[in-house]
N, C-alpha and C. Protein backbone atom coordinates (compact mmCIF):
# COMPACT_ATOMS: atom_id res chain seq x y z
N MET A 1 -144.51 -4.15 -42.27
CA MET A 1 -145.14 -2.64 -41.86
C MET A 1 -146.27 -2.04 -41.78
N LYS A 2 -146.89 -1.39 -40.62
CA LYS A 2 -148.28 -1.86 -41.07
C LYS A 2 -148.38 0.03 -41.36
N LYS A 3 -149.63 0.89 -42.27
CA LYS A 3 -149.42 1.84 -42.42
C LYS A 3 -150.56 2.79 -42.79
N LEU A 4 -151.10 3.73 -42.68
CA LEU A 4 -151.94 4.80 -42.77
C LEU A 4 -152.56 4.13 -44.31
N LEU A 5 -153.97 3.76 -44.35
CA LEU A 5 -154.54 4.00 -45.33
C LEU A 5 -155.66 4.60 -45.69
N GLU A 6 -156.44 4.53 -47.05
CA GLU A 6 -157.38 5.13 -47.20
C GLU A 6 -158.51 4.67 -47.62
N ILE A 7 -159.33 3.19 -48.12
CA ILE A 7 -160.08 2.56 -49.28
C ILE A 7 -161.20 3.40 -49.17
N THR A 8 -161.67 3.85 -50.40
CA THR A 8 -162.95 4.72 -51.32
C THR A 8 -164.02 3.48 -51.91
N VAL A 9 -165.09 3.85 -50.82
CA VAL A 9 -166.39 2.72 -51.20
C VAL A 9 -167.23 4.24 -51.50
N ARG A 10 -167.34 3.94 -53.40
CA ARG A 10 -169.06 4.65 -54.20
C ARG A 10 -170.23 4.14 -52.99
N GLY A 11 -170.97 4.78 -52.68
CA GLY A 11 -172.46 4.62 -52.37
C GLY A 11 -173.46 4.76 -54.15
N HIS A 12 -174.89 4.78 -53.49
CA HIS A 12 -175.69 5.00 -54.39
C HIS A 12 -175.11 6.93 -54.97
N SER A 13 -175.48 7.75 -54.07
CA SER A 13 -175.06 9.40 -54.36
C SER A 13 -173.78 9.82 -54.28
N LYS A 14 -172.74 9.34 -53.05
CA LYS A 14 -171.77 9.90 -52.75
C LYS A 14 -170.36 8.62 -52.55
N GLU A 15 -168.79 9.13 -52.20
CA GLU A 15 -168.21 8.45 -52.15
C GLU A 15 -167.98 9.23 -50.33
N TRP A 16 -167.13 6.98 -50.45
CA TRP A 16 -166.92 7.89 -48.52
C TRP A 16 -165.05 6.99 -48.62
N GLY A 17 -165.04 7.95 -47.87
CA GLY A 17 -163.20 7.36 -47.70
C GLY A 17 -163.09 7.13 -46.10
N PHE A 18 -162.55 5.75 -46.33
CA PHE A 18 -162.24 5.62 -43.99
C PHE A 18 -160.84 5.14 -44.21
N GLU A 19 -159.74 5.98 -42.65
CA GLU A 19 -159.23 5.21 -43.27
C GLU A 19 -159.02 4.45 -41.87
N PHE A 20 -158.24 3.37 -42.10
CA PHE A 20 -157.16 2.28 -41.12
C PHE A 20 -155.95 1.86 -41.51
N PHE A 21 -155.26 1.64 -40.44
CA PHE A 21 -154.05 0.81 -40.29
C PHE A 21 -153.98 -0.83 -40.81
N ALA A 22 -153.02 -0.84 -41.93
CA ALA A 22 -152.69 -2.33 -41.98
C ALA A 22 -151.46 -2.28 -43.18
N ASP A 23 -151.25 -3.22 -43.26
CA ASP A 23 -149.51 -3.62 -43.43
C ASP A 23 -149.65 -3.59 -45.21
N HIS A 24 -148.47 -2.73 -45.42
CA HIS A 24 -148.71 -2.02 -46.81
C HIS A 24 -148.40 -3.64 -48.15
N LYS A 25 -147.81 -4.62 -47.05
CA LYS A 25 -148.18 -6.18 -48.49
C LYS A 25 -148.90 -6.57 -49.19
N TYR A 26 -150.02 -6.13 -48.62
CA TYR A 26 -151.25 -6.57 -49.49
C TYR A 26 -152.19 -5.71 -50.48
N LEU A 27 -151.38 -4.19 -50.31
CA LEU A 27 -151.92 -3.10 -51.58
C LEU A 27 -151.99 -3.61 -52.61
N ALA A 28 -150.67 -4.24 -53.17
CA ALA A 28 -151.03 -4.70 -55.03
C ALA A 28 -151.80 -5.22 -54.45
N GLU A 29 -152.13 -6.56 -54.29
CA GLU A 29 -153.29 -7.41 -54.20
C GLU A 29 -154.43 -6.97 -54.33
N TRP A 30 -154.74 -6.21 -52.82
CA TRP A 30 -156.06 -5.33 -52.87
C TRP A 30 -156.40 -4.56 -54.38
N ARG A 31 -154.97 -4.12 -54.94
CA ARG A 31 -155.57 -2.78 -55.81
C ARG A 31 -155.88 -3.38 -57.45
N GLU A 32 -154.83 -4.68 -57.36
CA GLU A 32 -155.41 -6.27 -58.88
C GLU A 32 -156.92 -6.57 -58.35
N ASP A 33 -157.03 -6.53 -57.43
CA ASP A 33 -158.64 -7.48 -57.20
C ASP A 33 -159.54 -6.11 -57.06
N GLY A 34 -159.41 -4.68 -57.59
CA GLY A 34 -160.15 -3.63 -58.05
C GLY A 34 -160.56 -3.23 -56.45
N LEU A 35 -159.88 -2.82 -55.76
CA LEU A 35 -160.13 -2.21 -54.51
C LEU A 35 -159.14 -0.45 -54.42
N GLU A 36 -160.15 0.65 -54.08
CA GLU A 36 -159.44 1.77 -54.23
C GLU A 36 -158.93 2.26 -53.03
N VAL A 37 -157.19 1.69 -53.00
CA VAL A 37 -156.89 1.97 -51.42
C VAL A 37 -155.44 2.75 -51.58
N ASP A 38 -155.72 3.92 -50.76
CA ASP A 38 -154.58 4.74 -51.63
C ASP A 38 -153.26 4.93 -49.80
N GLU A 39 -152.85 4.96 -49.41
CA GLU A 39 -151.78 5.42 -48.83
C GLU A 39 -152.06 6.71 -48.21
N ILE A 40 -152.42 7.17 -47.06
CA ILE A 40 -152.24 8.63 -46.43
C ILE A 40 -150.40 8.74 -46.45
N CYS A 41 -150.28 9.90 -46.76
CA CYS A 41 -148.63 10.23 -46.23
C CYS A 41 -148.88 11.58 -44.81
N ASN A 42 -149.93 12.33 -45.24
CA ASN A 42 -149.86 13.13 -44.06
C ASN A 42 -151.54 13.75 -43.55
N THR A 43 -151.87 14.63 -42.82
CA THR A 43 -152.93 14.91 -43.02
C THR A 43 -152.82 16.43 -41.76
N ILE A 44 -153.13 17.14 -43.04
CA ILE A 44 -153.71 18.86 -42.59
C ILE A 44 -154.98 19.26 -42.41
N PRO A 45 -155.20 19.79 -41.07
CA PRO A 45 -156.47 20.42 -40.16
C PRO A 45 -156.46 21.61 -40.99
N GLN A 46 -158.31 21.38 -41.90
CA GLN A 46 -158.62 22.80 -41.19
C GLN A 46 -157.78 24.42 -40.85
N TRP A 47 -158.09 24.69 -39.61
CA TRP A 47 -157.79 26.01 -38.84
C TRP A 47 -156.05 26.21 -39.69
N LEU A 48 -154.81 24.75 -40.20
CA LEU A 48 -154.05 25.60 -40.32
C LEU A 48 -154.02 26.27 -41.92
N PRO A 49 -153.71 27.64 -41.35
CA PRO A 49 -152.99 28.91 -41.95
C PRO A 49 -152.30 28.52 -43.55
N THR A 50 -152.45 28.13 -44.86
CA THR A 50 -152.12 28.01 -46.01
C THR A 50 -150.88 28.19 -45.97
N GLY A 51 -150.08 29.00 -45.39
CA GLY A 51 -148.40 29.41 -45.32
C GLY A 51 -147.75 28.43 -44.37
N LEU A 52 -148.24 27.50 -43.59
CA LEU A 52 -147.95 26.29 -42.39
C LEU A 52 -147.68 25.01 -43.31
N THR A 53 -147.89 24.85 -44.49
CA THR A 53 -149.36 23.46 -44.71
C THR A 53 -147.50 22.93 -44.57
N GLY A 54 -146.62 23.10 -45.48
CA GLY A 54 -145.47 22.87 -46.00
C GLY A 54 -144.53 22.14 -44.29
N ALA A 55 -144.31 23.03 -43.68
CA ALA A 55 -144.05 22.88 -41.92
C ALA A 55 -144.85 22.41 -41.21
N TRP A 56 -145.99 21.75 -41.59
CA TRP A 56 -146.64 21.28 -40.60
C TRP A 56 -146.61 19.91 -41.18
N CYS A 57 -146.25 19.35 -42.67
CA CYS A 57 -145.97 18.18 -43.40
C CYS A 57 -144.33 18.08 -42.49
N ILE A 58 -143.29 18.23 -42.45
CA ILE A 58 -142.58 18.19 -42.06
C ILE A 58 -142.12 17.93 -40.12
N ALA A 59 -142.70 18.01 -39.97
CA ALA A 59 -142.97 17.76 -38.79
C ALA A 59 -143.88 16.60 -38.14
N GLN A 60 -145.18 16.69 -39.00
CA GLN A 60 -145.51 15.38 -38.72
C GLN A 60 -144.90 14.12 -39.20
N ASP A 61 -144.24 13.96 -40.27
CA ASP A 61 -143.88 13.37 -41.13
C ASP A 61 -142.19 12.31 -40.14
N ILE A 62 -141.45 13.93 -39.31
CA ILE A 62 -140.65 12.96 -37.84
C ILE A 62 -141.43 12.12 -37.21
N LEU A 63 -142.26 13.12 -37.12
CA LEU A 63 -143.28 12.73 -34.92
C LEU A 63 -143.51 11.07 -36.16
N HIS A 64 -143.83 10.89 -36.99
CA HIS A 64 -145.11 9.19 -37.35
C HIS A 64 -143.59 8.85 -37.37
N PHE A 65 -142.77 8.86 -38.03
CA PHE A 65 -141.59 7.79 -39.15
C PHE A 65 -140.55 7.55 -36.80
N ASN A 66 -141.07 8.29 -36.51
CA ASN A 66 -140.36 7.68 -34.76
C ASN A 66 -140.79 7.07 -34.08
N TRP A 67 -142.37 7.33 -33.58
CA TRP A 67 -143.75 6.94 -33.53
C TRP A 67 -143.54 5.06 -34.02
N ARG A 68 -143.89 5.68 -35.11
CA ARG A 68 -144.36 4.20 -35.84
C ARG A 68 -143.60 3.34 -35.38
N ARG A 69 -141.99 3.45 -36.37
CA ARG A 69 -141.17 2.92 -36.09
C ARG A 69 -141.22 1.64 -34.16
N LYS A 70 -140.61 2.81 -33.48
CA LYS A 70 -140.57 1.85 -32.51
C LYS A 70 -142.09 1.11 -32.14
N GLN A 71 -143.45 1.43 -32.55
CA GLN A 71 -144.33 0.57 -31.90
C GLN A 71 -144.04 -0.36 -33.07
N HIS A 72 -143.62 -0.47 -33.90
CA HIS A 72 -143.64 -1.35 -35.20
C HIS A 72 -143.14 -2.67 -34.74
N ASP A 73 -141.68 -2.26 -33.54
CA ASP A 73 -140.26 -2.91 -33.78
C ASP A 73 -140.63 -3.84 -32.25
N THR A 74 -141.93 -3.48 -31.90
CA THR A 74 -142.14 -3.92 -30.28
C THR A 74 -143.16 -5.09 -30.10
N ALA A 75 -144.03 -4.70 -31.29
CA ALA A 75 -144.81 -5.49 -31.51
C ALA A 75 -144.59 -6.54 -31.89
C-alpha cells in the first residue's frame, strides 16, 4: 500500500523535505541504506487555530483512510 512519505535532503546550508507517495514495504531498505525517510501522518495548515488541531487530525485520518483504501483497491 502506498503512503505519504517525506525524504530529507541536506544541502550545503539548508535541509529540504520532499513529500511523495511510495510503497511502505521499501521503507526499511531505504533507511538501512542511510536515507532519512519519514511517514507523514497528518498535515496541519498554519491558519488553523491551535485549539482545533486535534479535530483537524481526526477528520484528516478518517478522510485519508477511506480515500486511500478505495484508490488502492482499484489500482
